[in-house]
Amino acid sequence: MTAGLRGCHHQAGQRDMSPWAAARGLSGGDSARQSQGNVPVSKDTFGTGLSLGDGFHQLSGVTQEQSRVWLLLAVWLALVAGVALLVWLWTTGLVNPGHSGGTANGQPGTGIYAGRWLPVHSTPSGQSVRTVHPDIFVDRATLYWAVGRSTVLAGNSGGKGERQGQLPGQGASPWGIRGGVVPHHLLAGDLIAGFFARVSGQDIKRVILVGPNHPGQGARVMVSSAGWATAGGVVEPDLEVVRALARAGLAVEDDGMMAGEHSIGTIMPFIKHYLGQARVVPVILQSNITLKEAGALAAFLEPYLTPDTLLVASVDFSHYLTRAEAEARDARILQVMEGWDLGTLFTMGNDYLDSPPSLGVLFRAMEALGIRQFTVLANTNSGRIAQNDHMETTSYFVLAF
């Protein structure tokens, strides 16, 4: 019995001689206890006197010194890549610590580009760097397509039945066209191009561009002191007027909000293409601006409405109607505009137009110049353009004062 017990004890104490266990330097009991979680992995797990790292180096054939070299190299490459990324972001204008796209008082903007850095632009002299709005609305191909079709307003309508108007003697003003209304949908891009082609023969040095604030966020009236990138180059802001509006408390500078507003951004490439070096005063208005507020803004702008200044309202008209309904609404609003009935105009909703305040500023400003008539250069809608009588439409007017 004693010998039997000793034999059993001897067998239980024998070491597991499997290759894996031998390589680990563990007995069968040790292996069993570790597999049950009773023995923690220690520095000697990979064999007597070998640490975990030693075991890795022994199995991989890589020395500790080589591992340190590779680690240092990896850290160095990561640092170089990080620096290269920052340099690229800086040079492309995606990072510019000089401008935050916020409001005049330093608060963050609220538009699509709020909180993002706007691109930087070197002035022609190369002496200074400032911010510009990115061109996110009109690519080069679309611009050139619209320019190529701008003969629509020169009397070649292509037989689609759009309403056309002529400007004998360039309209009622002896100075040529002083104001206008254009759409801001690129489906009507040829109409936008046609209007600016009409005024391209005038010596226009400043354009005051007024449009709706579609998101309805931010201040009631907003302007921007940043330039605007286009396929033809940067449209420069007229800082004198922009900052005068801000100082007078009539507007707030908000580059972030302005950058995402298509009623302004869609028009900029056409201004650059046709009017070259003209500077722009971009103004966007909340939909609840009153006629009194619009009149006050127009009165403030009056001294800047010199013969080389053009005031343009970027406005789309009836929305989400059938072609027949859109044409009926257009006929009604044309009566209101021709009657200079601004009180009624300000009661009209989105089924007639998207920005009564923009038209209010334009009409009041034209009154101040002694102009109380306009010519309809074009009137159409997206259903007519697309030759689809069933789609929801947007209608468009092009007017010249």
Protein backbone atom coordinates (compact mmCIF):
# COMPACT_ATOMS: atom_id res chain seq x y z
CA MET A 1 0.00 0.00 0.00
CA THR A 2 2.77 2.42 0.90
CA ALA A 3 4.57 1.65 -2.31
CA GLY A 4 1.35 2.14 -4.24
CA LEU A 5 0.78 5.53 -2.64
CA ARG A 6 4.35 6.50 -3.38
CA GLY A 7 3.78 5.44 -7.03
CA CYS A 8 0.63 7.51 -7.26
CA HIS A 9 2.39 10.46 -5.67
CA HIS A 10 5.28 10.06 -8.03
CA GLN A 11 2.96 9.99 -11.05
CA ALA A 12 1.05 13.07 -9.92
CA GLY A 13 4.31 14.92 -9.40
CA GLN A 14 5.74 14.08 -12.80
CA ARG A 15 6.21 17.08 -15.11
CA ASP A 16 4.13 17.38 -18.32
CA MET A 17 6.71 16.81 -20.98
CA SER A 18 4.61 18.12 -23.92
CA PRO A 19 6.62 20.45 -26.16
CA TRP A 20 4.50 23.50 -25.28
CA ALA A 21 4.66 22.87 -21.55
CA ALA A 22 8.40 22.21 -21.78
CA ALA A 23 8.94 25.47 -23.60
CA ARG A 24 6.97 27.28 -20.89
CA GLY A 25 8.87 25.51 -18.10
CA LEU A 26 5.66 24.47 -16.28
CA SER A 27 4.76 21.22 -14.57
CA GLY A 28 1.50 19.51 -15.28
CA GLY A 29 0.12 20.81 -11.98
CA ASP A 30 1.28 24.32 -12.73
CA SER A 31 -0.33 24.13 -16.16
CA ALA A 32 -3.60 22.89 -14.73
CA ARG A 33 -3.67 25.54 -12.03
CA GLN A 34 -2.98 28.33 -14.55
CA SER A 35 -5.65 27.04 -16.91
CA GLN A 36 -8.08 27.27 -13.97
CA GLY A 37 -7.03 30.86 -13.26
CA ASN A 38 -5.35 30.03 -9.94
CA VAL A 39 -1.90 31.16 -10.95
CA PRO A 40 -1.44 34.64 -12.38
CA VAL A 41 0.79 35.21 -15.39
CA SER A 42 4.12 36.32 -13.95
CA LYS A 43 7.44 37.54 -15.23
CA ASP A 44 8.51 33.90 -15.56
CA THR A 45 5.55 32.79 -17.70
CA PHE A 46 7.70 32.26 -20.80
CA GLY A 47 10.26 30.08 -19.08
CA THR A 48 12.48 30.28 -16.07
CA GLY A 49 14.10 33.66 -15.80
CA LEU A 50 12.35 35.10 -18.92
CA SER A 51 9.99 38.06 -18.82
CA LEU A 52 7.04 38.50 -21.17
CA GLY A 53 9.12 40.85 -23.33
CA ASP A 54 12.06 38.39 -23.23
CA GLY A 55 9.79 35.63 -24.44
CA PHE A 56 8.59 37.79 -27.34
CA HIS A 57 12.11 38.68 -28.35
CA GLN A 58 13.20 35.03 -28.05
CA LEU A 59 10.31 33.78 -30.19
CA SER A 60 10.49 36.59 -32.79
CA GLY A 61 14.25 36.78 -33.11
CA VAL A 62 14.17 40.58 -32.54
CA THR A 63 16.46 41.95 -29.85
CA GLN A 64 15.38 44.46 -27.26
CA GLU A 65 17.68 47.05 -28.78
CA GLN A 66 16.10 46.57 -32.19
CA SER A 67 12.61 46.93 -30.67
CA ARG A 68 13.57 50.25 -29.09
CA VAL A 69 14.94 51.51 -32.41
CA TRP A 70 11.74 50.58 -34.26
CA LEU A 71 9.60 52.20 -31.56
CA LEU A 72 11.58 55.46 -31.72
CA LEU A 73 11.33 55.41 -35.52
CA ALA A 74 7.55 54.93 -35.37
CA VAL A 75 7.16 57.85 -32.94
CA TRP A 76 9.35 60.07 -35.13
CA LEU A 77 7.33 59.22 -38.26
CA ALA A 78 4.06 59.97 -36.43
CA LEU A 79 5.39 63.38 -35.38
CA VAL A 80 6.52 64.19 -38.92
CA ALA A 81 3.11 63.16 -40.31
CA GLY A 82 1.34 65.34 -37.75
CA VAL A 83 3.45 68.38 -38.58
CA ALA A 84 2.91 67.80 -42.31
CA LEU A 85 -0.86 67.62 -41.77
CA LEU A 86 -0.89 70.91 -39.85
CA VAL A 87 1.18 72.60 -42.56
CA TRP A 88 -1.23 71.33 -45.23
CA LEU A 89 -4.27 72.53 -43.27
CA TRP A 90 -2.68 75.95 -42.83
CA THR A 91 -1.64 76.41 -46.47
CA THR A 92 -5.00 75.26 -47.83
CA GLY A 93 -6.80 77.67 -45.53
CA LEU A 94 -8.68 75.06 -43.53
CA VAL A 95 -6.90 76.29 -40.42
CA ASN A 96 -6.45 80.01 -39.93
CA PRO A 97 -6.07 81.19 -36.34
CA GLY A 98 -6.71 84.76 -37.43
CA HIS A 99 -10.42 84.26 -38.01
CA SER A 100 -13.07 82.11 -36.41
CA GLY A 101 -16.02 82.64 -38.70
CA GLY A 102 -17.88 84.32 -35.86
CA THR A 103 -19.77 87.53 -35.35
CA ALA A 104 -18.45 91.04 -34.92
CA ASN A 105 -18.38 90.72 -31.15
CA GLY A 106 -16.31 87.56 -31.27
CA GLN A 107 -19.14 85.13 -30.59
CA PRO A 108 -19.34 81.98 -32.71
CA GLY A 109 -21.39 82.18 -35.89
CA THR A 110 -24.47 80.03 -36.35
CA GLY A 111 -24.39 79.03 -40.02
CA ILE A 112 -23.14 75.99 -41.87
CA TYR A 113 -19.56 77.14 -41.41
CA ALA A 114 -20.00 78.26 -37.79
CA GLY A 115 -17.05 77.25 -35.68
CA ARG A 116 -14.97 76.28 -38.72
CA TRP A 117 -11.98 78.16 -40.07
CA LEU A 118 -12.58 79.93 -43.35
CA PRO A 119 -9.93 79.74 -46.09
CA VAL A 120 -7.22 82.38 -46.33
CA HIS A 121 -6.47 84.51 -49.37
CA SER A 122 -3.41 86.52 -50.32
CA THR A 123 -4.24 89.95 -51.70
CA PRO A 124 -2.92 90.83 -55.18
CA SER A 125 -0.09 92.79 -53.58
CA GLY A 126 0.92 89.72 -51.61
CA GLN A 127 1.39 91.88 -48.54
CA SER A 128 -1.49 90.64 -46.43
CA VAL A 129 -3.53 87.53 -45.81
CA ARG A 130 -7.23 87.49 -44.95
CA THR A 131 -10.22 85.20 -45.07
CA VAL A 132 -12.52 84.34 -47.96
CA HIS A 133 -15.72 82.35 -48.17
CA PRO A 134 -15.33 79.03 -50.01
CA ASP A 135 -17.12 78.65 -53.33
CA ILE A 136 -19.49 75.79 -52.47
CA PHE A 137 -22.44 76.65 -54.71
CA VAL A 138 -21.32 77.14 -58.33
CA ASP A 139 -18.63 75.07 -60.02
CA ARG A 140 -16.82 76.27 -63.12
CA ALA A 141 -18.75 74.05 -65.54
CA THR A 142 -22.13 75.26 -64.23
CA LEU A 143 -21.05 78.88 -64.39
CA TYR A 144 -19.92 78.55 -68.01
CA TRP A 145 -23.11 76.70 -68.93
CA ALA A 146 -25.18 79.57 -67.54
CA VAL A 147 -23.01 82.19 -69.22
CA GLY A 148 -23.35 80.35 -72.52
CA ARG A 149 -27.16 80.43 -72.25
CA SER A 150 -27.38 84.03 -71.09
CA THR A 151 -28.49 85.10 -74.58
CA VAL A 152 -32.03 84.37 -73.30
CA LEU A 153 -32.19 87.91 -71.93
CA ALA A 154 -30.67 89.33 -75.10
CA GLY A 155 -33.86 88.43 -76.97
CA ASN A 156 -33.11 84.83 -78.02
CA SER A 157 -35.47 82.92 -75.75
CA GLY A 158 -35.22 79.54 -77.47
CA GLY A 159 -38.99 79.41 -77.95
CA LYS A 160 -39.91 78.24 -74.43
CA GLY A 161 -42.47 80.98 -73.88
CA GLU A 162 -40.66 82.84 -71.08
CA ARG A 163 -41.82 86.41 -70.63
CA GLN A 164 -39.18 88.75 -72.05
CA GLY A 165 -38.74 92.50 -71.66
CA GLN A 166 -36.61 95.09 -73.39
CA LEU A 167 -34.85 98.10 -71.90
CA PRO A 168 -35.11 101.02 -74.33
CA GLY A 169 -32.39 103.46 -73.38
CA GLN A 170 -31.32 101.10 -70.57
CA GLY A 171 -34.52 101.73 -68.61
CA ALA A 172 -35.92 104.68 -66.69
CA SER A 173 -32.64 105.83 -65.15
CA PRO A 174 -30.32 108.10 -67.20
CA TRP A 175 -27.43 106.30 -65.51
CA GLY A 176 -28.46 102.88 -66.77
CA ILE A 177 -29.70 100.06 -64.57
CA ARG A 178 -29.50 101.02 -60.89
CA GLY A 179 -31.21 98.05 -59.31
CA GLY A 180 -32.47 94.58 -60.11
CA VAL A 181 -34.02 91.33 -59.00
CA VAL A 182 -32.46 87.97 -59.87
CA PRO A 183 -33.18 84.37 -58.79
CA HIS A 184 -30.72 82.29 -56.80
CA HIS A 185 -31.55 78.80 -58.10
CA LEU A 186 -28.98 77.49 -60.56
CA LEU A 187 -31.75 75.96 -62.65
CA ALA A 188 -32.29 79.59 -63.64
CA GLY A 189 -28.56 80.30 -63.82
CA ASP A 190 -28.85 81.59 -67.38
CA LEU A 191 -31.30 84.23 -66.15
CA ILE A 192 -28.83 85.35 -63.49
CA ALA A 193 -26.10 85.51 -66.13
CA GLY A 194 -28.38 87.40 -68.49
CA PHE A 195 -29.04 90.16 -65.98
CA PHE A 196 -25.37 90.71 -65.21
CA ALA A 197 -24.54 90.57 -68.92
CA ARG A 198 -26.98 93.49 -69.31
CA VAL A 199 -25.16 95.64 -66.79
CA SER A 200 -21.63 94.57 -67.73
CA GLY A 201 -21.28 97.56 -70.05
CA GLN A 202 -21.78 99.97 -67.14
CA ASP A 203 -18.93 101.09 -64.94
CA ILE A 204 -20.07 99.23 -61.82
CA LYS A 205 -17.64 99.47 -58.93
CA ARG A 206 -19.92 98.35 -56.10
CA VAL A 207 -22.75 95.83 -55.80
CA ILE A 208 -25.02 95.80 -52.77
CA LEU A 209 -26.47 92.29 -52.76
CA VAL A 210 -29.50 91.67 -50.54
CA GLY A 211 -31.09 88.26 -50.00
CA PRO A 212 -33.00 86.08 -47.55
CA ASN A 213 -31.52 84.29 -44.56
CA HIS A 214 -32.89 80.85 -45.40
CA PRO A 215 -32.01 79.04 -42.11
CA GLY A 216 -33.58 81.87 -40.10
CA GLN A 217 -30.73 81.86 -37.59
CA GLY A 218 -28.56 84.64 -36.21
CA ALA A 219 -29.16 88.38 -36.17
CA ARG A 220 -32.00 90.08 -38.03
CA VAL A 221 -29.63 91.65 -40.54
CA MET A 222 -26.18 90.20 -41.23
CA VAL A 223 -23.20 91.24 -43.33
CA SER A 224 -19.72 89.82 -43.93
CA SER A 225 -16.29 91.40 -44.29
CA ALA A 226 -14.77 88.30 -45.90
CA GLY A 227 -14.12 87.95 -49.60
CA TRP A 228 -15.73 85.25 -51.72
CA ALA A 229 -13.86 82.64 -53.75
CA THR A 230 -15.22 81.98 -57.27
CA ALA A 231 -14.03 80.18 -60.38
CA GLY A 232 -12.91 83.54 -61.76
CA GLY A 233 -11.11 84.76 -58.66
CA VAL A 234 -11.99 86.37 -55.34
CA VAL A 235 -14.84 88.87 -55.04
CA GLU A 236 -13.64 91.56 -52.66
CA PRO A 237 -15.96 93.02 -50.00
CA ASP A 238 -16.67 96.71 -49.77
CA LEU A 239 -15.40 97.10 -46.22
CA GLU A 240 -16.42 100.75 -45.98
CA VAL A 241 -20.13 99.97 -46.31
CA VAL A 242 -20.02 96.66 -44.44
CA ARG A 243 -18.40 98.22 -41.40
CA ALA A 244 -20.59 101.32 -41.57
CA LEU A 245 -23.68 99.11 -41.32
CA ALA A 246 -22.20 97.27 -38.35
CA ARG A 247 -21.16 100.49 -36.57
CA ALA A 248 -24.64 101.94 -37.05
CA GLY A 249 -26.16 98.90 -35.37
CA LEU A 250 -28.17 98.04 -38.48
CA ALA A 251 -26.35 94.76 -39.12
CA VAL A 252 -24.08 92.22 -37.45
CA GLU A 253 -20.99 90.77 -39.08
CA ASP A 254 -21.34 87.00 -39.19
CA ASP A 255 -19.02 85.29 -41.64
CA GLY A 256 -20.09 81.83 -40.52
CA MET A 257 -23.74 82.45 -41.31
CA MET A 258 -22.98 84.18 -44.60
CA ALA A 259 -20.74 81.36 -45.87
CA GLY A 260 -23.64 78.92 -46.07
CA GLU A 261 -26.27 81.25 -47.55
CA HIS A 262 -26.97 80.33 -51.17
CA SER A 263 -28.95 83.50 -51.92
CA ILE A 264 -25.58 85.27 -51.74
CA GLY A 265 -23.08 82.57 -52.67
CA THR A 266 -24.87 81.59 -55.88
CA ILE A 267 -24.67 85.16 -57.24
CA MET A 268 -21.00 85.88 -56.46
CA PRO A 269 -19.48 83.97 -59.42
CA PHE A 270 -21.69 85.92 -61.86
CA ILE A 271 -20.64 89.23 -60.33
CA LYS A 272 -17.00 88.26 -60.71
CA HIS A 273 -17.44 87.04 -64.27
CA TYR A 274 -19.31 90.07 -65.59
CA LEU A 275 -18.28 92.94 -63.33
CA GLY A 276 -14.64 92.04 -62.70
CA GLN A 277 -13.25 94.13 -59.87
CA ALA A 278 -16.58 95.34 -58.43
CA ARG A 279 -16.70 95.10 -54.65
CA VAL A 280 -19.71 93.61 -52.91
CA VAL A 281 -21.73 94.39 -49.80
CA PRO A 282 -23.51 91.09 -48.93
CA VAL A 283 -26.60 91.52 -46.75
CA ILE A 284 -28.98 88.78 -45.58
CA LEU A 285 -32.30 89.44 -43.89
CA GLN A 286 -34.55 87.45 -41.59
CA SER A 287 -38.01 86.80 -43.02
CA ASN A 288 -39.71 88.78 -40.24
CA ILE A 289 -37.99 92.08 -41.02
CA THR A 290 -40.71 94.74 -41.16
CA LEU A 291 -41.29 97.27 -43.93
CA LYS A 292 -40.18 99.98 -41.51
CA GLU A 293 -36.88 98.18 -40.87
CA ALA A 294 -36.40 97.63 -44.60
CA GLY A 295 -37.01 101.34 -45.17
CA ALA A 296 -34.46 102.29 -42.50
CA LEU A 297 -31.85 100.05 -44.12
CA ALA A 298 -32.57 101.55 -47.54
CA ALA A 299 -32.31 105.07 -46.14
CA PHE A 300 -28.92 104.27 -44.63
CA LEU A 301 -27.69 102.85 -47.93
CA GLU A 302 -28.90 105.84 -49.99
CA PRO A 303 -25.62 107.85 -49.77
CA TYR A 304 -23.75 104.82 -51.11
CA LEU A 305 -26.09 104.42 -54.12
CA THR A 306 -23.81 106.34 -56.46
CA PRO A 307 -24.11 105.91 -60.25
CA ASP A 308 -21.40 103.24 -60.13
CA THR A 309 -23.32 101.22 -57.52
CA LEU A 310 -25.83 98.47 -58.34
CA LEU A 311 -28.39 97.25 -55.78
CA VAL A 312 -29.56 93.68 -56.42
CA ALA A 313 -32.20 91.66 -54.56
CA SER A 314 -31.61 87.91 -54.79
CA VAL A 315 -35.15 86.54 -54.53
CA ASP A 316 -37.02 83.45 -55.69
CA PHE A 317 -40.78 83.69 -56.04
CA SER A 318 -43.58 81.12 -55.64
CA HIS A 319 -42.57 77.76 -54.13
CA TYR A 320 -43.95 74.18 -54.18
CA LEU A 321 -46.85 74.83 -56.57
CA THR A 322 -47.87 73.31 -59.87
CA ARG A 323 -46.89 75.18 -62.99
CA ALA A 324 -50.40 76.61 -63.42
CA GLU A 325 -50.62 77.68 -59.76
CA ALA A 326 -47.19 79.28 -59.94
CA GLU A 327 -48.17 81.30 -63.01
CA ALA A 328 -51.32 82.53 -61.26
CA ARG A 329 -49.34 83.62 -58.20
CA ASP A 330 -46.77 85.33 -60.40
CA ALA A 331 -49.49 87.33 -62.15
CA ARG A 332 -50.82 88.50 -58.79
CA ILE A 333 -47.47 89.50 -57.31
CA LEU A 334 -46.52 91.31 -60.50
CA GLN A 335 -49.63 93.47 -60.06
CA VAL A 336 -48.56 94.20 -56.48
CA MET A 337 -45.02 95.13 -57.51
CA GLU A 338 -46.13 97.26 -60.46
CA GLY A 339 -48.52 99.08 -58.13
CA TRP A 340 -45.63 99.62 -55.67
CA ASP A 341 -47.93 98.17 -53.00
CA LEU A 342 -45.30 97.26 -50.42
CA GLY A 343 -47.84 96.90 -47.61
CA THR A 344 -49.52 94.03 -49.46
CA LEU A 345 -46.17 92.63 -50.56
CA PHE A 346 -45.12 92.20 -46.91
CA THR A 347 -48.21 90.10 -46.20
CA MET A 348 -47.36 87.55 -48.91
CA GLY A 349 -45.93 84.20 -47.90
CA ASN A 350 -43.69 81.59 -49.44
CA ASP A 351 -46.34 80.70 -52.01
CA TYR A 352 -45.57 84.09 -53.57
CA LEU A 353 -41.91 84.82 -52.74
CA ASP A 354 -39.16 83.90 -50.28
CA SER A 355 -38.10 87.37 -49.13
CA PRO A 356 -40.44 90.37 -48.99
CA PRO A 357 -37.80 92.25 -46.90
CA SER A 358 -35.23 92.00 -49.71
CA LEU A 359 -37.69 93.52 -52.16
CA GLY A 360 -38.67 96.10 -49.54
CA VAL A 361 -35.07 97.35 -49.29
CA LEU A 362 -34.75 97.45 -53.08
CA PHE A 363 -38.04 99.28 -53.72
CA ARG A 364 -37.44 101.84 -50.96
CA ALA A 365 -33.91 102.47 -52.22
CA MET A 366 -35.16 102.96 -55.78
CA GLU A 367 -37.75 105.42 -54.46
CA ALA A 368 -34.91 107.39 -52.87
CA LEU A 369 -33.26 107.59 -56.30
CA GLY A 370 -36.50 108.81 -57.88
CA ILE A 371 -37.14 105.53 -59.69
CA ARG A 372 -40.65 104.08 -59.47
CA GLN A 373 -40.77 101.73 -62.43
CA PHE A 374 -39.04 98.58 -63.58
CA THR A 375 -38.88 96.31 -66.60
CA VAL A 376 -39.61 92.59 -66.44
CA LEU A 377 -36.71 91.00 -68.29
CA ALA A 378 -37.89 87.46 -67.65
CA ASN A 379 -40.52 85.48 -65.76
CA THR A 380 -40.64 81.70 -65.74
CA ASN A 381 -40.69 78.74 -63.36
CA SER A 382 -38.86 75.46 -62.87
CA GLY A 383 -41.78 73.46 -64.28
CA ARG A 384 -41.61 75.40 -67.52
CA ILE A 385 -37.82 75.13 -67.68
CA ALA A 386 -37.93 71.38 -67.02
CA GLN A 387 -41.03 71.00 -69.27
CA ASN A 388 -42.84 69.21 -66.47
CA ASP A 389 -46.40 70.22 -65.53
CA HIS A 390 -46.59 67.95 -62.48
CA MET A 391 -43.49 68.80 -60.45
CA GLU A 392 -43.42 71.20 -57.50
CA THR A 393 -42.05 74.42 -58.89
CA THR A 394 -40.18 77.57 -57.98
CA SER A 395 -40.88 80.65 -60.07
CA TYR A 396 -38.40 83.33 -61.10
CA PHE A 397 -38.48 87.01 -62.04
CA VAL A 398 -35.67 89.10 -63.45
CA LEU A 399 -36.40 92.80 -63.00
CA ALA A 400 -34.37 95.88 -63.93
CA PHE A 401 -34.87 99.35 -62.42
